[in-house]
C-alpha atoms as a PDB file:
ATOM      1  CA  UNK A   1     -50.700  66.982-161.471  1.00  0.00           C
ATOM      2  CA  UNK A   2     -53.621  69.068-162.654  1.00  0.00           C
ATOM      3  CA  UNK A   3     -52.802  71.241-165.666  1.00  0.00           C
ATOM      4  CA  UNK A   4     -54.978  74.051-166.912  1.00  0.00           C
ATOM      5  CA  UNK A   5     -54.834  74.127-170.699  1.00  0.00           C
ATOM      6  CA  UNK A   6     -55.731  76.858-173.154  1.00  0.00           C
ATOM      7  CA  UNK A   7     -56.392  75.607-176.715  1.00  0.00           C
ATOM      8  CA  UNK A   8     -56.881  78.207-179.432  1.00  0.00           C
ATOM      9  CA  UNK A   9     -57.964  77.831-183.001  1.00  0.00           C
ATOM     10  CA  UNK A  10     -60.668  80.158-184.323  1.00  0.00           C
ATOM     11  CA  UNK A  11     -61.788  80.506-180.707  1.00  0.00           C
ATOM     12  CA  UNK A  12     -60.311  79.526-177.352  1.00  0.00           C
ATOM     13  CA  UNK A  13     -61.174  76.681-174.972  1.00  0.00           C
ATOM     14  CA  UNK A  14     -59.966  76.263-171.399  1.00  0.00           C
ATOM     15  CA  UNK A  15     -59.928  72.830-169.828  1.00  0.00           C
ATOM     16  CA  UNK A  16     -58.093  70.788-167.212  1.00  0.00           C
ATOM     17  CA  UNK A  17     -56.032  67.645-167.647  1.00  0.00           C
ATOM     18  CA  UNK A  18     -54.771  65.471-164.812  1.00  0.00           C
ATOM     19  CA  UNK A  19     -51.283  64.603-166.042  1.00  0.00           C
ATOM     20  CA  UNK A  20     -48.580  62.359-164.647  1.00  0.00           C
ATOM     21  CA  UNK A  21     -45.491  64.026-163.217  1.00  0.00           C
ATOM     22  CA  UNK A  22     -43.074  64.793-166.048  1.00  0.00           C
ATOM     23  CA  UNK A  23     -45.635  64.204-168.818  1.00  0.00           C
ATOM     24  CA  UNK A  24     -45.201  66.462-171.846  1.00  0.00           C
ATOM     25  CA  UNK A  25     -48.320  68.489-172.690  1.00  0.00           C
ATOM     26  CA  UNK A  26     -47.015  69.240-176.209  1.00  0.00           C
ATOM     27  CA  UNK A  27     -46.582  65.536-177.028  1.00  0.00           C
ATOM     28  CA  UNK A  28     -50.009  64.613-175.680  1.00  0.00           C
ATOM     29  CA  UNK A  29     -51.829  67.430-177.457  1.00  0.00           C
ATOM     30  CA  UNK A  30     -49.983  66.831-180.750  1.00  0.00           C
ATOM     31  CA  UNK A  31     -51.099  63.206-180.801  1.00  0.00           C
ATOM     32  CA  UNK A  32     -54.662  63.827-179.608  1.00  0.00           C
ATOM     33  CA  UNK A  33     -55.194  66.660-182.081  1.00  0.00           C
ATOM     34  CA  UNK A  34     -54.961  64.128-184.914  1.00  0.00           C
ATOM     35  CA  UNK A  35     -57.904  62.044-183.659  1.00  0.00           C
ATOM     36  CA  UNK A  36     -61.590  62.320-184.510  1.00  0.00           C
ATOM     37  CA  UNK A  37     -62.496  62.057-180.830  1.00  0.00           C
ATOM     38  CA  UNK A  38     -60.533  65.203-180.005  1.00  0.00           C
ATOM     39  CA  UNK A  39     -62.766  67.207-182.330  1.00  0.00           C
ATOM     40  CA  UNK A  40     -65.876  66.129-180.439  1.00  0.00           C
ATOM     41  CA  UNK A  41     -64.653  67.906-177.317  1.00  0.00           C
ATOM     42  CA  UNK A  42     -62.420  70.745-178.478  1.00  0.00           C
ATOM     43  CA  UNK A  43     -61.996  72.214-181.941  1.00  0.00           C
ATOM     44  CA  UNK A  44     -63.730  74.126-184.676  1.00  0.00           C
ATOM     45  CA  UNK A  45     -62.694  71.534-187.239  1.00  0.00           C
ATOM     46  CA  UNK A  46     -60.468  74.128-188.884  1.00  0.00           C
ATOM     47  CA  UNK A  47     -57.097  72.677-187.833  1.00  0.00           C
ATOM     48  CA  UNK A  48     -56.092  72.004-191.409  1.00  0.00           C
ATOM     49  CA  UNK A  49     -56.666  75.602-192.507  1.00  0.00           C
ATOM     50  CA  UNK A  50     -55.941  77.574-189.346  1.00  0.00           C
ATOM     51  CA  UNK A  51     -52.952  77.238-187.086  1.00  0.00           C
ATOM     52  CA  UNK A  52     -53.911  76.089-183.629  1.00  0.00           C
ATOM     53  CA  UNK A  53     -52.013  76.517-180.410  1.00  0.00           C
ATOM     54  CA  UNK A  54     -52.136  75.191-176.865  1.00  0.00           C
ATOM     55  CA  UNK A  55     -50.390  76.082-173.677  1.00  0.00           C
ATOM     56  CA  UNK A  56     -50.293  75.329-169.994  1.00  0.00           C
ATOM     57  CA  UNK A  57     -51.784  78.357-168.226  1.00  0.00           C
ATOM     58  CA  UNK A  58     -52.211  79.519-164.676  1.00  0.00           C
ATOM     59  CA  UNK A  59     -55.275  78.128-162.892  1.00  0.00           C
ATOM     60  CA  UNK A  60     -56.683  81.637-162.502  1.00  0.00           C
ATOM     61  CA  UNK A  61     -57.180  81.786-166.295  1.00  0.00           C
ATOM     62  CA  UNK A  62     -59.724  78.990-165.960  1.00  0.00           C
ATOM     63  CA  UNK A  63     -63.252  79.481-164.753  1.00  0.00           C
ATOM     64  CA  UNK A  64     -64.980  77.238-162.233  1.00  0.00           C
ATOM     65  CA  UNK A  65     -67.075  75.709-164.998  1.00  0.00           C
ATOM     66  CA  UNK A  66     -64.153  74.636-167.226  1.00  0.00           C
ATOM     67  CA  UNK A  67     -64.232  70.964-168.067  1.00  0.00           C
ATOM     68  CA  UNK A  68     -61.749  68.294-167.076  1.00  0.00           C
ATOM     69  CA  UNK A  69     -61.171  66.221-170.218  1.00  0.00           C
ATOM     70  CA  UNK A  70     -58.733  63.698-168.725  1.00  0.00           C
ATOM     71  CA  UNK A  71     -61.075  60.695-168.871  1.00  0.00           C
ATOM     72  CA  UNK A  72     -62.559  61.692-172.232  1.00  0.00           C
ATOM     73  CA  UNK A  73     -59.107  61.997-173.826  1.00  0.00           C
ATOM     74  CA  UNK A  74     -58.032  58.670-172.272  1.00  0.00           C
ATOM     75  CA  UNK A  75     -61.057  57.071-173.966  1.00  0.00           C
ATOM     76  CA  UNK A  76     -60.114  58.706-177.277  1.00  0.00           C
ATOM     77  CA  UNK A  77     -56.586  57.282-176.946  1.00  0.00           C
ATOM     78  CA  UNK A  78     -57.898  53.785-176.146  1.00  0.00           C
ATOM     79  CA  UNK A  79     -60.320  53.869-179.069  1.00  0.00           C
ATOM     80  CA  UNK A  80     -58.291  55.623-181.779  1.00  0.00           C
ATOM     81  CA  UNK A  81     -54.576  55.274-181.076  1.00  0.00           C
ATOM     82  CA  UNK A  82     -52.192  52.353-181.066  1.00  0.00           C
ATOM     83  CA  UNK A  83     -48.560  51.566-180.411  1.00  0.00           C
ATOM     84  CA  UNK A  84     -46.242  54.166-178.879  1.00  0.00           C
ATOM     85  CA  UNK A  85     -48.698  57.033-179.261  1.00  0.00           C
ATOM     86  CA  UNK A  86     -51.429  55.190-177.372  1.00  0.00           C
ATOM     87  CA  UNK A  87     -49.021  54.187-174.603  1.00  0.00           C
ATOM     88  CA  UNK A  88     -47.640  57.730-174.301  1.00  0.00           C
ATOM     89  CA  UNK A  89     -51.065  59.372-173.979  1.00  0.00           C
ATOM     90  CA  UNK A  90     -52.404  56.766-171.539  1.00  0.00           C
ATOM     91  CA  UNK A  91     -49.241  57.063-169.427  1.00  0.00           C
ATOM     92  CA  UNK A  92     -49.436  60.854-169.428  1.00  0.00           C
ATOM     93  CA  UNK A  93     -53.123  61.188-168.499  1.00  0.00           C
ATOM     94  CA  UNK A  94     -53.813  59.972-164.962  1.00  0.00           C
ATOM     95  CA  UNK A  95     -56.613  57.428-164.676  1.00  0.00           C
ATOM     96  CA  UNK A  96     -59.279  58.362-162.143  1.00  0.00           C
ATOM     97  CA  UNK A  97     -60.117  56.120-159.250  1.00  0.00           C
END
């Protein structure tokens, strides 16, 4: 199930994630936000000082050029997470192909 995500910190990013049915966007984003890899794709690096927020938004909020970060965030999870967190993120983000 394709989800359009809005992530806001000092600015706002819109991106898509292909998530498994019933996967919890809040859980996935909470875990990914703590990784270095997440900051390469989305973030101003101000998460410690500025409250950030994310939400599932209607597809019409996204532009045609918004990125799909499903595969990139799966790679971050494989590289930087372990245990339950790694399993949860990899189960939630649908593998392509």
